[in-house]
Amino acid sequence: MLECQKTRSSKYYCIGYSKTLQKYILSSVVKWIAWYNRYFEISEEEYNYSKDKLELLDEIARECSKQGLESGRYLCSDREDENEAGSRKDIYVMLKKGFIPYDGKKSSSLD
């Protein structure tokens, strides 16, 4: 779980902050044989769209999902084979290292 996580279940994504990467993250669910997540970088301003510009945040999530690994925002994935280029494996290890255990009380819903 990311810090300050907010979940948009109906659109299959969540946003939060990674202390280890010092980045705001959008985690998008990929619906495949076994569902998994892809992680994309967003700005603090975009993270704050969750307060009053949710439709813009939804559009960013749609674009990230559509572009996938080709997105300039793409950081890494839960699938190892999607982390083979560049430093993606290292980014994934750092991201997962900083995850905090899930606590529903610390997560808020955007739906």
PDB file of N, CA and C in Angstrom:
ATOM      1  N   MET A   1       0.836  -1.176   0.000  1.00  0.00           N
ATOM      2  CA  MET A   1       0.000   0.000   0.000  1.00  0.00           C
ATOM      3  C   MET A   1       0.886   1.247   0.000  1.00  0.00           C
ATOM      4  N   LEU A   2       0.503   2.211  -0.782  1.00  0.00           N
ATOM      5  CA  LEU A   2       1.207   3.481  -0.840  1.00  0.00           C
ATOM      6  C   LEU A   2       0.770   4.378   0.314  1.00  0.00           C
ATOM      7  N   GLU A   3       1.573   5.353   0.647  1.00  0.00           N
ATOM      8  CA  GLU A   3       1.182   6.356   1.645  1.00  0.00           C
ATOM      9  C   GLU A   3       0.037   7.185   1.064  1.00  0.00           C
ATOM     10  N   CYS A   4      -0.856   7.630   1.910  1.00  0.00           N
ATOM     11  CA  CYS A   4      -1.970   8.504   1.498  1.00  0.00           C
ATOM     12  C   CYS A   4      -2.731   7.935   0.303  1.00  0.00           C
ATOM     13  N   GLN A   5      -2.960   6.631   0.318  1.00  0.00           N
ATOM     14  CA  GLN A   5      -3.587   5.957  -0.812  1.00  0.00           C
ATOM     15  C   GLN A   5      -5.063   6.294  -0.934  1.00  0.00           C
ATOM     16  N   LYS A   6      -5.471   6.531  -2.173  1.00  0.00           N
ATOM     17  CA  LYS A   6      -6.878   6.764  -2.505  1.00  0.00           C
ATOM     18  C   LYS A   6      -7.219   5.826  -3.654  1.00  0.00           C
ATOM     19  N   THR A   7      -8.306   5.095  -3.492  1.00  0.00           N
ATOM     20  CA  THR A   7      -8.681   4.063  -4.455  1.00  0.00           C
ATOM     21  C   THR A   7      -9.899   4.469  -5.264  1.00  0.00           C
ATOM     22  N   ARG A   8      -9.833   4.213  -6.554  1.00  0.00           N
ATOM     23  CA  ARG A   8     -10.952   4.452  -7.475  1.00  0.00           C
ATOM     24  C   ARG A   8     -11.334   3.085  -8.038  1.00  0.00           C
ATOM     25  N   SER A   9     -12.035   2.303  -7.223  1.00  0.00           N
ATOM     26  CA  SER A   9     -12.365   0.909  -7.567  1.00  0.00           C
ATOM     27  C   SER A   9     -13.114   0.784  -8.880  1.00  0.00           C
ATOM     28  N   SER A  10     -14.033   1.681  -9.136  1.00  0.00           N
ATOM     29  CA  SER A  10     -14.846   1.588 -10.346  1.00  0.00           C
ATOM     30  C   SER A  10     -14.032   1.800 -11.620  1.00  0.00           C
ATOM     31  N   LYS A  11     -12.860   2.410 -11.495  1.00  0.00           N
ATOM     32  CA  LYS A  11     -11.998   2.670 -12.660  1.00  0.00           C
ATOM     33  C   LYS A  11     -10.702   1.861 -12.612  1.00  0.00           C
ATOM     34  N   TYR A  12     -10.576   0.985 -11.619  1.00  0.00           N
ATOM     35  CA  TYR A  12      -9.445   0.066 -11.493  1.00  0.00           C
ATOM     36  C   TYR A  12      -8.085   0.758 -11.342  1.00  0.00           C
ATOM     37  N   TYR A  13      -8.027   1.790 -10.507  1.00  0.00           N
ATOM     38  CA  TYR A  13      -6.738   2.396 -10.205  1.00  0.00           C
ATOM     39  C   TYR A  13      -6.745   2.984  -8.806  1.00  0.00           C
ATOM     40  N   CYS A  14      -5.554   3.262  -8.310  1.00  0.00           N
ATOM     41  CA  CYS A  14      -5.413   3.987  -7.059  1.00  0.00           C
ATOM     42  C   CYS A  14      -4.214   4.921  -7.188  1.00  0.00           C
ATOM     43  N   ILE A  15      -4.165   5.905  -6.311  1.00  0.00           N
ATOM     44  CA  ILE A  15      -3.059   6.854  -6.299  1.00  0.00           C
ATOM     45  C   ILE A  15      -2.499   6.925  -4.887  1.00  0.00           C
ATOM     46  N   GLY A  16      -1.260   7.327  -4.776  1.00  0.00           N
ATOM     47  CA  GLY A  16      -0.640   7.463  -3.472  1.00  0.00           C
ATOM     48  C   GLY A  16       0.774   7.992  -3.615  1.00  0.00           C
ATOM     49  N   TYR A  17       1.491   7.966  -2.520  1.00  0.00           N
ATOM     50  CA  TYR A  17       2.854   8.483  -2.497  1.00  0.00           C
ATOM     51  C   TYR A  17       3.821   7.393  -2.050  1.00  0.00           C
ATOM     52  N   SER A  18       4.936   7.288  -2.741  1.00  0.00           N
ATOM     53  CA  SER A  18       5.992   6.341  -2.369  1.00  0.00           C
ATOM     54  C   SER A  18       7.126   7.124  -1.725  1.00  0.00           C
ATOM     55  N   LYS A  19       7.345   6.884  -0.427  1.00  0.00           N
ATOM     56  CA  LYS A  19       8.443   7.561   0.263  1.00  0.00           C
ATOM     57  C   LYS A  19       9.795   7.103  -0.266  1.00  0.00           C
ATOM     58  N   THR A  20       9.911   5.828  -0.603  1.00  0.00           N
ATOM     59  CA  THR A  20      11.206   5.323  -1.066  1.00  0.00           C
ATOM     60  C   THR A  20      11.589   5.908  -2.426  1.00  0.00           C
ATOM     61  N   LEU A  21      10.617   6.108  -3.293  1.00  0.00           N
ATOM     62  CA  LEU A  21      10.889   6.702  -4.608  1.00  0.00           C
ATOM     63  C   LEU A  21      10.765   8.227  -4.574  1.00  0.00           C
ATOM     64  N   GLN A  22      10.102   8.732  -3.553  1.00  0.00           N
ATOM     65  CA  GLN A  22       9.797  10.161  -3.426  1.00  0.00           C
ATOM     66  C   GLN A  22       9.037  10.647  -4.659  1.00  0.00           C
ATOM     67  N   LYS A  23       7.993   9.872  -4.989  1.00  0.00           N
ATOM     68  CA  LYS A  23       7.160  10.167  -6.153  1.00  0.00           C
ATOM     69  C   LYS A  23       5.698   9.858  -5.839  1.00  0.00           C
ATOM     70  N   TYR A  24       4.829  10.587  -6.496  1.00  0.00           N
ATOM     71  CA  TYR A  24       3.406  10.257  -6.473  1.00  0.00           C
ATOM     72  C   TYR A  24       3.193   9.208  -7.550  1.00  0.00           C
ATOM     73  N   ILE A  25       2.379   8.215  -7.216  1.00  0.00           N
ATOM     74  CA  ILE A  25       2.207   7.031  -8.062  1.00  0.00           C
ATOM     75  C   ILE A  25       0.730   6.808  -8.378  1.00  0.00           C
ATOM     76  N   LEU A  26       0.480   6.407  -9.616  1.00  0.00           N
ATOM     77  CA  LEU A  26      -0.828   5.905 -10.012  1.00  0.00           C
ATOM     78  C   LEU A  26      -0.618   4.425 -10.295  1.00  0.00           C
ATOM     79  N   SER A  27      -1.356   3.587  -9.597  1.00  0.00           N
ATOM     80  CA  SER A  27      -1.283   2.143  -9.780  1.00  0.00           C
ATOM     81  C   SER A  27      -2.523   1.696 -10.544  1.00  0.00           C
ATOM     82  N   SER A  28      -2.310   1.168 -11.729  1.00  0.00           N
ATOM     83  CA  SER A  28      -3.413   0.772 -12.607  1.00  0.00           C
ATOM     84  C   SER A  28      -3.503  -0.747 -12.693  1.00  0.00           C
ATOM     85  N   VAL A  29      -4.686  -1.283 -12.491  1.00  0.00           N
ATOM     86  CA  VAL A  29      -4.898  -2.728 -12.576  1.00  0.00           C
ATOM     87  C   VAL A  29      -4.987  -3.146 -14.040  1.00  0.00           C
ATOM     88  N   VAL A  30      -4.206  -4.166 -14.386  1.00  0.00           N
ATOM     89  CA  VAL A  30      -4.267  -4.756 -15.713  1.00  0.00           C
ATOM     90  C   VAL A  30      -5.082  -6.030 -15.586  1.00  0.00           C
ATOM     91  N   LYS A  31      -6.196  -6.074 -16.300  1.00  0.00           N
ATOM     92  CA  LYS A  31      -7.074  -7.237 -16.239  1.00  0.00           C
ATOM     93  C   LYS A  31      -6.622  -8.238 -17.307  1.00  0.00           C
ATOM     94  N   TRP A  32      -5.923  -9.233 -16.849  1.00  0.00           N
ATOM     95  CA  TRP A  32      -5.337 -10.245 -17.704  1.00  0.00           C
ATOM     96  C   TRP A  32      -5.688 -11.596 -17.118  1.00  0.00           C
ATOM     97  N   ILE A  33      -5.009 -12.663 -17.477  1.00  0.00           N
ATOM     98  CA  ILE A  33      -5.280 -13.986 -16.912  1.00  0.00           C
ATOM     99  C   ILE A  33      -5.218 -13.911 -15.390  1.00  0.00           C
ATOM    100  N   ALA A  34      -4.122 -13.352 -14.894  1.00  0.00           N
ATOM    101  CA  ALA A  34      -3.973 -13.060 -13.463  1.00  0.00           C
ATOM    102  C   ALA A  34      -3.804 -11.552 -13.369  1.00  0.00           C
ATOM    103  N   TRP A  35      -4.723 -10.888 -12.743  1.00  0.00           N
ATOM    104  CA  TRP A  35      -4.668  -9.432 -12.667  1.00  0.00           C
ATOM    105  C   TRP A  35      -3.402  -8.984 -11.948  1.00  0.00           C
ATOM    106  N   TYR A  36      -2.843  -7.877 -12.395  1.00  0.00           N
ATOM    107  CA  TYR A  36      -1.642  -7.321 -11.782  1.00  0.00           C
ATOM    108  C   TYR A  36      -1.648  -5.799 -11.936  1.00  0.00           C
ATOM    109  N   ASN A  37      -0.665  -5.137 -11.360  1.00  0.00           N
ATOM    110  CA  ASN A  37      -0.605  -3.674 -11.403  1.00  0.00           C
ATOM    111  C   ASN A  37       0.577  -3.173 -12.211  1.00  0.00           C
ATOM    112  N   ARG A  38       0.354  -2.042 -12.863  1.00  0.00           N
ATOM    113  CA  ARG A  38       1.419  -1.261 -13.476  1.00  0.00           C
ATOM    114  C   ARG A  38       1.462   0.067 -12.732  1.00  0.00           C
ATOM    115  N   TYR A  39       2.660   0.583 -12.551  1.00  0.00           N
ATOM    116  CA  TYR A  39       2.844   1.799 -11.757  1.00  0.00           C
ATOM    117  C   TYR A  39       3.353   2.935 -12.638  1.00  0.00           C
ATOM    118  N   PHE A  40       2.725   4.072 -12.493  1.00  0.00           N
ATOM    119  CA  PHE A  40       3.027   5.247 -13.295  1.00  0.00           C
ATOM    120  C   PHE A  40       3.278   6.443 -12.383  1.00  0.00           C
ATOM    121  N   GLU A  41       4.154   7.329 -12.810  1.00  0.00           N
ATOM    122  CA  GLU A  41       4.427   8.525 -12.024  1.00  0.00           C
ATOM    123  C   GLU A  41       3.413   9.614 -12.374  1.00  0.00           C
ATOM    124  N   ILE A  42       2.903  10.275 -11.338  1.00  0.00           N
ATOM    125  CA  ILE A  42       2.064  11.448 -11.521  1.00  0.00           C
ATOM    126  C   ILE A  42       2.650  12.572 -10.659  1.00  0.00           C
ATOM    127  N   SER A  43       2.230  13.774 -10.924  1.00  0.00           N
ATOM    128  CA  SER A  43       2.725  14.909 -10.149  1.00  0.00           C
ATOM    129  C   SER A  43       1.879  15.089  -8.883  1.00  0.00           C
ATOM    130  N   GLU A  44       2.390  15.880  -7.976  1.00  0.00           N
ATOM    131  CA  GLU A  44       1.623  16.194  -6.772  1.00  0.00           C
ATOM    132  C   GLU A  44       0.327  16.908  -7.149  1.00  0.00           C
ATOM    133  N   GLU A  45       0.407  17.787  -8.137  1.00  0.00           N
ATOM    134  CA  GLU A  45      -0.789  18.500  -8.603  1.00  0.00           C
ATOM    135  C   GLU A  45      -1.830  17.511  -9.124  1.00  0.00           C
ATOM    136  N   GLU A  46      -1.391  16.533  -9.891  1.00  0.00           N
ATOM    137  CA  GLU A  46      -2.317  15.523 -10.422  1.00  0.00           C
ATOM    138  C   GLU A  46      -2.887  14.668  -9.293  1.00  0.00           C
ATOM    139  N   TYR A  47      -2.065  14.345  -8.314  1.00  0.00           N
ATOM    140  CA  TYR A  47      -2.562  13.607  -7.147  1.00  0.00           C
ATOM    141  C   TYR A  47      -3.703  14.388  -6.490  1.00  0.00           C
ATOM    142  N   ASN A  48      -3.546  15.699  -6.413  1.00  0.00           N
ATOM    143  CA  ASN A  48      -4.554  16.545  -5.777  1.00  0.00           C
ATOM    144  C   ASN A  48      -5.818  16.733  -6.616  1.00  0.00           C
ATOM    145  N   TYR A  49      -5.803  16.276  -7.867  1.00  0.00           N
ATOM    146  CA  TYR A  49      -7.025  16.287  -8.683  1.00  0.00           C
ATOM    147  C   TYR A  49      -8.116  15.464  -8.009  1.00  0.00           C
ATOM    148  N   SER A  50      -7.723  14.559  -7.133  1.00  0.00           N
ATOM    149  CA  SER A  50      -8.695  13.702  -6.454  1.00  0.00           C
ATOM    150  C   SER A  50      -9.658  14.512  -5.597  1.00  0.00           C
ATOM    151  N   LYS A  51      -9.298  15.736  -5.280  1.00  0.00           N
ATOM    152  CA  LYS A  51     -10.148  16.586  -4.441  1.00  0.00           C
ATOM    153  C   LYS A  51     -11.273  17.258  -5.224  1.00  0.00           C
ATOM    154  N   ASP A  52     -10.955  17.735  -6.436  1.00  0.00           N
ATOM    155  CA  ASP A  52     -11.983  18.504  -7.149  1.00  0.00           C
ATOM    156  C   ASP A  52     -11.945  18.363  -8.672  1.00  0.00           C
ATOM    157  N   LYS A  53     -11.056  17.541  -9.194  1.00  0.00           N
ATOM    158  CA  LYS A  53     -10.954  17.355 -10.644  1.00  0.00           C
ATOM    159  C   LYS A  53     -10.827  15.871 -10.966  1.00  0.00           C
ATOM    160  N   LEU A  54     -11.704  15.089 -10.408  1.00  0.00           N
ATOM    161  CA  LEU A  54     -11.633  13.634 -10.540  1.00  0.00           C
ATOM    162  C   LEU A  54     -11.681  13.176 -11.993  1.00  0.00           C
ATOM    163  N   GLU A  55     -12.433  13.888 -12.836  1.00  0.00           N
ATOM    164  CA  GLU A  55     -12.529  13.503 -14.246  1.00  0.00           C
ATOM    165  C   GLU A  55     -11.163  13.631 -14.944  1.00  0.00           C
ATOM    166  N   LEU A  56     -10.329  14.598 -14.532  1.00  0.00           N
ATOM    167  CA  LEU A  56      -8.988  14.726 -15.103  1.00  0.00           C
ATOM    168  C   LEU A  56      -8.091  13.572 -14.656  1.00  0.00           C
ATOM    169  N   LEU A  57      -8.234  13.177 -13.401  1.00  0.00           N
ATOM    170  CA  LEU A  57      -7.480  12.039 -12.886  1.00  0.00           C
ATOM    171  C   LEU A  57      -7.898  10.754 -13.595  1.00  0.00           C
ATOM    172  N   ASP A  58      -9.193  10.594 -13.830  1.00  0.00           N
ATOM    173  CA  ASP A  58      -9.691   9.436 -14.588  1.00  0.00           C
ATOM    174  C   ASP A  58      -9.084   9.405 -15.990  1.00  0.00           C
ATOM    175  N   GLU A  59      -8.961  10.569 -16.620  1.00  0.00           N
ATOM    176  CA  GLU A  59      -8.384  10.649 -17.967  1.00  0.00           C
ATOM    177  C   GLU A  59      -6.903  10.251 -17.953  1.00  0.00           C
ATOM    178  N   ILE A  60      -6.173  10.693 -16.952  1.00  0.00           N
ATOM    179  CA  ILE A  60      -4.765  10.306 -16.824  1.00  0.00           C
ATOM    180  C   ILE A  60      -4.660   8.792 -16.662  1.00  0.00           C
ATOM    181  N   ALA A  61      -5.511   8.217 -15.825  1.00  0.00           N
ATOM    182  CA  ALA A  61      -5.509   6.764 -15.610  1.00  0.00           C
ATOM    183  C   ALA A  61      -5.834   6.024 -16.900  1.00  0.00           C
ATOM    184  N   ARG A  62      -6.803   6.523 -17.667  1.00  0.00           N
ATOM    185  CA  ARG A  62      -7.159   5.898 -18.949  1.00  0.00           C
ATOM    186  C   ARG A  62      -5.972   5.931 -19.917  1.00  0.00           C
ATOM    187  N   GLU A  63      -5.314   7.090 -20.003  1.00  0.00           N
ATOM    188  CA  GLU A  63      -4.168   7.228 -20.905  1.00  0.00           C
ATOM    189  C   GLU A  63      -3.019   6.306 -20.499  1.00  0.00           C
ATOM    190  N   CYS A  64      -2.739   6.251 -19.211  1.00  0.00           N
ATOM    191  CA  CYS A  64      -1.671   5.366 -18.730  1.00  0.00           C
ATOM    192  C   CYS A  64      -1.999   3.915 -19.064  1.00  0.00           C
ATOM    193  N   SER A  65      -3.223   3.525 -18.822  1.00  0.00           N
ATOM    194  CA  SER A  65      -3.652   2.157 -19.103  1.00  0.00           C
ATOM    195  C   SER A  65      -3.560   1.851 -20.596  1.00  0.00           C
ATOM    196  N   LYS A  66      -3.983   2.788 -21.408  1.00  0.00           N
ATOM    197  CA  LYS A  66      -3.979   2.606 -22.859  1.00  0.00           C
ATOM    198  C   LYS A  66      -2.548   2.521 -23.401  1.00  0.00           C
ATOM    199  N   GLN A  67      -1.653   3.389 -22.925  1.00  0.00           N
ATOM    200  CA  GLN A  67      -0.282   3.424 -23.426  1.00  0.00           C
ATOM    201  C   GLN A  67       0.591   2.335 -22.816  1.00  0.00           C
ATOM    202  N   GLY A  68       0.243   1.910 -21.607  1.00  0.00           N
ATOM    203  CA  GLY A  68       0.980   0.837 -20.955  1.00  0.00           C
ATOM    204  C   GLY A  68       2.463   1.115 -20.837  1.00  0.00           C
ATOM    205  N   LEU A  69       3.275   0.165 -21.250  1.00  0.00           N
ATOM    206  CA  LEU A  69       4.728   0.272 -21.148  1.00  0.00           C
ATOM    207  C   LEU A  69       5.298   1.389 -22.000  1.00  0.00           C
ATOM    208  N   GLU A  70       4.562   1.853 -22.967  1.00  0.00           N
ATOM    209  CA  GLU A  70       5.017   2.919 -23.861  1.00  0.00           C
ATOM    210  C   GLU A  70       4.813   4.304 -23.265  1.00  0.00           C
ATOM    211  N   SER A  71       4.105   4.392 -22.167  1.00  0.00           N
ATOM    212  CA  SER A  71       3.841   5.681 -21.530  1.00  0.00           C
ATOM    213  C   SER A  71       5.131   6.276 -20.974  1.00  0.00           C
ATOM    214  N   GLY A  72       5.303   7.563 -21.138  1.00  0.00           N
ATOM    215  CA  GLY A  72       6.439   8.259 -20.549  1.00  0.00           C
ATOM    216  C   GLY A  72       6.376   8.283 -19.039  1.00  0.00           C
ATOM    217  N   ARG A  73       5.225   7.967 -18.483  1.00  0.00           N
ATOM    218  CA  ARG A  73       5.024   7.940 -17.030  1.00  0.00           C
ATOM    219  C   ARG A  73       5.314   6.559 -16.426  1.00  0.00           C
ATOM    220  N   TYR A  74       5.447   5.544 -17.273  1.00  0.00           N
ATOM    221  CA  TYR A  74       5.583   4.162 -16.804  1.00  0.00           C
ATOM    222  C   TYR A  74       6.835   4.002 -15.950  1.00  0.00           C
ATOM    223  N   LEU A  75       6.665   3.402 -14.770  1.00  0.00           N
ATOM    224  CA  LEU A  75       7.778   3.140 -13.869  1.00  0.00           C
ATOM    225  C   LEU A  75       8.143   1.662 -13.823  1.00  0.00           C
ATOM    226  N   CYS A  76       7.144   0.819 -13.554  1.00  0.00           N
ATOM    227  CA  CYS A  76       7.400  -0.611 -13.405  1.00  0.00           C
ATOM    228  C   CYS A  76       6.069  -1.352 -13.325  1.00  0.00           C
ATOM    229  N   SER A  77       6.174  -2.662 -13.163  1.00  0.00           N
ATOM    230  CA  SER A  77       4.999  -3.519 -13.176  1.00  0.00           C
ATOM    231  C   SER A  77       5.182  -4.656 -12.179  1.00  0.00           C
ATOM    232  N   ASP A  78       4.082  -5.268 -11.774  1.00  0.00           N
ATOM    233  CA  ASP A  78       4.150  -6.463 -10.945  1.00  0.00           C
ATOM    234  C   ASP A  78       4.626  -7.671 -11.759  1.00  0.00           C
ATOM    235  N   ARG A  79       4.583  -7.574 -13.082  1.00  0.00           N
ATOM    236  CA  ARG A  79       5.056  -8.656 -13.961  1.00  0.00           C
ATOM    237  C   ARG A  79       6.541  -8.461 -14.233  1.00  0.00           C
ATOM    238  N   GLU A  80       7.342  -9.450 -13.890  1.00  0.00           N
ATOM    239  CA  GLU A  80       8.796  -9.355 -14.058  1.00  0.00           C
ATOM    240  C   GLU A  80       9.213  -9.064 -15.491  1.00  0.00           C
ATOM    241  N   ASP A  81       8.554  -9.694 -16.459  1.00  0.00           N
ATOM    242  CA  ASP A  81       8.960  -9.506 -17.851  1.00  0.00           C
ATOM    243  C   ASP A  81       8.701  -8.091 -18.356  1.00  0.00           C
ATOM    244  N   GLU A  82       7.902  -7.311 -17.656  1.00  0.00           N
ATOM    245  CA  GLU A  82       7.660  -5.923 -18.037  1.00  0.00           C
ATOM    246  C   GLU A  82       8.669  -4.974 -17.390  1.00  0.00           C
ATOM    247  N   ASN A  83       9.575  -5.530 -16.593  1.00  0.00           N
ATOM    248  CA  ASN A  83      10.576  -4.715 -15.903  1.00  0.00           C
ATOM    249  C   ASN A  83      11.983  -4.965 -16.440  1.00  0.00           C
ATOM    250  N   GLU A  84      12.098  -5.549 -17.606  1.00  0.00           N
ATOM    251  CA  GLU A  84      13.412  -5.936 -18.111  1.00  0.00           C
ATOM    252  C   GLU A  84      14.228  -4.771 -18.663  1.00  0.00           C
ATOM    253  N   ALA A  85      13.596  -3.715 -19.133  1.00  0.00           N
ATOM    254  CA  ALA A  85      14.321  -2.597 -19.736  1.00  0.00           C
ATOM    255  C   ALA A  85      14.784  -1.585 -18.689  1.00  0.00           C
ATOM    256  N   GLY A  86      16.002  -1.120 -18.837  1.00  0.00           N
ATOM    257  CA  GLY A  86      16.514  -0.060 -17.978  1.00  0.00           C
ATOM    258  C   GLY A  86      16.558  -0.431 -16.512  1.00  0.00           C
ATOM    259  N   SER A  87      16.201   0.517 -15.681  1.00  0.00           N
ATOM    260  CA  SER A  87      16.285   0.334 -14.222  1.00  0.00           C
ATOM    261  C   SER A  87      14.950  -0.066 -13.609  1.00  0.00           C
ATOM    262  N   ARG A  88      14.046  -0.578 -14.403  1.00  0.00           N
ATOM    263  CA  ARG A  88      12.699  -0.892 -13.908  1.00  0.00           C
ATOM    264  C   ARG A  88      12.695  -1.924 -12.788  1.00  0.00           C
ATOM    265  N   LYS A  89      13.577  -2.901 -12.850  1.00  0.00           N
ATOM    266  CA  LYS A  89      13.644  -3.907 -11.776  1.00  0.00           C
ATOM    267  C   LYS A  89      14.016  -3.236 -10.460  1.00  0.00           C
ATOM    268  N   ASP A  90      14.990  -2.332 -10.507  1.00  0.00           N
ATOM    269  CA  ASP A  90      15.416  -1.623  -9.302  1.00  0.00           C
ATOM    270  C   ASP A  90      14.290  -0.732  -8.766  1.00  0.00           C
ATOM    271  N   ILE A  91      13.589  -0.072  -9.674  1.00  0.00           N
ATOM    272  CA  ILE A  91      12.466   0.784  -9.270  1.00  0.00           C
ATOM    273  C   ILE A  91      11.397  -0.061  -8.587  1.00  0.00           C
ATOM    274  N   TYR A  92      11.101  -1.228  -9.171  1.00  0.00           N
ATOM    275  CA  TYR A  92      10.081  -2.110  -8.600  1.00  0.00           C
ATOM    276  C   TYR A  92      10.477  -2.578  -7.198  1.00  0.00           C
ATOM    277  N   VAL A  93      11.739  -2.976  -7.023  1.00  0.00           N
ATOM    278  CA  VAL A  93      12.220  -3.418  -5.717  1.00  0.00           C
ATOM    279  C   VAL A  93      12.088  -2.285  -4.698  1.00  0.00           C
ATOM    280  N   MET A  94      12.485  -1.077  -5.083  1.00  0.00           N
ATOM    281  CA  MET A  94      12.379   0.068  -4.177  1.00  0.00           C
ATOM    282  C   MET A  94      10.919   0.382  -3.841  1.00  0.00           C
ATOM    283  N   LEU A  95      10.066   0.329  -4.858  1.00  0.00           N
ATOM    284  CA  LEU A  95       8.648   0.607  -4.643  1.00  0.00           C
ATOM    285  C   LEU A  95       8.050  -0.382  -3.656  1.00  0.00           C
ATOM    286  N   LYS A  96       8.279  -1.664  -3.874  1.00  0.00           N
ATOM    287  CA  LYS A  96       7.720  -2.696  -2.997  1.00  0.00           C
ATOM    288  C   LYS A  96       8.329  -2.650  -1.596  1.00  0.00           C
ATOM    289  N   LYS A  97       9.579  -2.281  -1.513  1.00  0.00           N
ATOM    290  CA  LYS A  97      10.250  -2.190  -0.217  1.00  0.00           C
ATOM    291  C   LYS A  97       9.583  -1.147   0.672  1.00  0.00           C
ATOM    292  N   GLY A  98       9.104  -0.081   0.059  1.00  0.00           N
ATOM    293  CA  GLY A  98       8.495   1.000   0.819  1.00  0.00           C
ATOM    294  C   GLY A  98       7.014   0.834   1.083  1.00  0.00           C
ATOM    295  N   PHE A  99       6.402  -0.225   0.534  1.00  0.00           N
ATOM    296  CA  PHE A  99       4.979  -0.427   0.765  1.00  0.00           C
ATOM    297  C   PHE A  99       4.720  -0.694   2.238  1.00  0.00           C
ATOM    298  N   ILE A 100       3.636  -0.142   2.723  1.00  0.00           N
ATOM    299  CA  ILE A 100       3.216  -0.387   4.103  1.00  0.00           C
ATOM    300  C   ILE A 100       2.083  -1.408   4.065  1.00  0.00           C
ATOM    301  N   PRO A 101       1.923  -2.207   5.114  1.00  0.00           N
ATOM    302  CA  PRO A 101       0.839  -3.197   5.120  1.00  0.00           C
ATOM    303  C   PRO A 101      -0.514  -2.524   4.902  1.00  0.00           C
ATOM    304  N   TYR A 102      -1.384  -3.232   4.223  1.00  0.00           N
ATOM    305  CA  TYR A 102      -2.712  -2.690   3.942  1.00  0.00           C
ATOM    306  C   TYR A 102      -3.476  -2.455   5.231  1.00  0.00           C
ATOM    307  N   ASP A 103      -4.068  -1.294   5.317  1.00  0.00           N
ATOM    308  CA  ASP A 103      -4.922  -0.928   6.442  1.00  0.00           C
ATOM    309  C   ASP A 103      -6.071  -0.121   5.867  1.00  0.00           C
ATOM    310  N   GLY A 104      -7.228  -0.726   5.801  1.00  0.00           N
ATOM    311  CA  GLY A 104      -8.403  -0.066   5.228  1.00  0.00           C
ATOM    312  C   GLY A 104      -8.698   1.292   5.833  1.00  0.00           C
ATOM    313  N   LYS A 105      -8.306   1.493   7.060  1.00  0.00           N
ATOM    314  CA  LYS A 105      -8.539   2.782   7.732  1.00  0.00           C
ATOM    315  C   LYS A 105      -7.665   3.884   7.158  1.00  0.00           C
ATOM    316  N   LYS A 106      -6.536   3.499   6.570  1.00  0.00           N
ATOM    317  CA  LYS A 106      -5.613   4.492   6.017  1.00  0.00           C
ATOM    318  C   LYS A 106      -5.843   4.734   4.542  1.00  0.00           C
ATOM    319  N   SER A 107      -6.729   4.001   3.938  1.00  0.00           N
ATOM    320  CA  SER A 107      -7.047   4.138   2.531  1.00  0.00           C
ATOM    321  C   SER A 107      -8.394   4.810   2.393  1.00  0.00           C
ATOM    322  N   SER A 108      -8.518   5.694   1.422  1.00  0.00           N
ATOM    323  CA  SER A 108      -9.818   6.314   1.222  1.00  0.00           C
ATOM    324  C   SER A 108     -10.294   6.021  -0.200  1.00  0.00           C
ATOM    325  N   SER A 109     -11.592   6.058  -0.366  1.00  0.00           N
ATOM    326  CA  SER A 109     -12.195   5.734  -1.645  1.00  0.00           C
ATOM    327  C   SER A 109     -12.517   7.008  -2.411  1.00  0.00           C
ATOM    328  N   LEU A 110     -12.300   6.972  -3.720  1.00  0.00           N
ATOM    329  CA  LEU A 110     -12.659   8.088  -4.595  1.00  0.00           C
ATOM    330  C   LEU A 110     -14.003   7.820  -5.266  1.00  0.00           C
ATOM    331  N   ASP A 111     -14.586   6.641  -5.047  1.00  0.00           N
ATOM    332  CA  ASP A 111     -15.877   6.314  -5.666  1.00  0.00           C
ATOM    333  C   ASP A 111     -17.034   6.836  -4.843  1.00  0.00           C
TER     334      ASP A 111
END
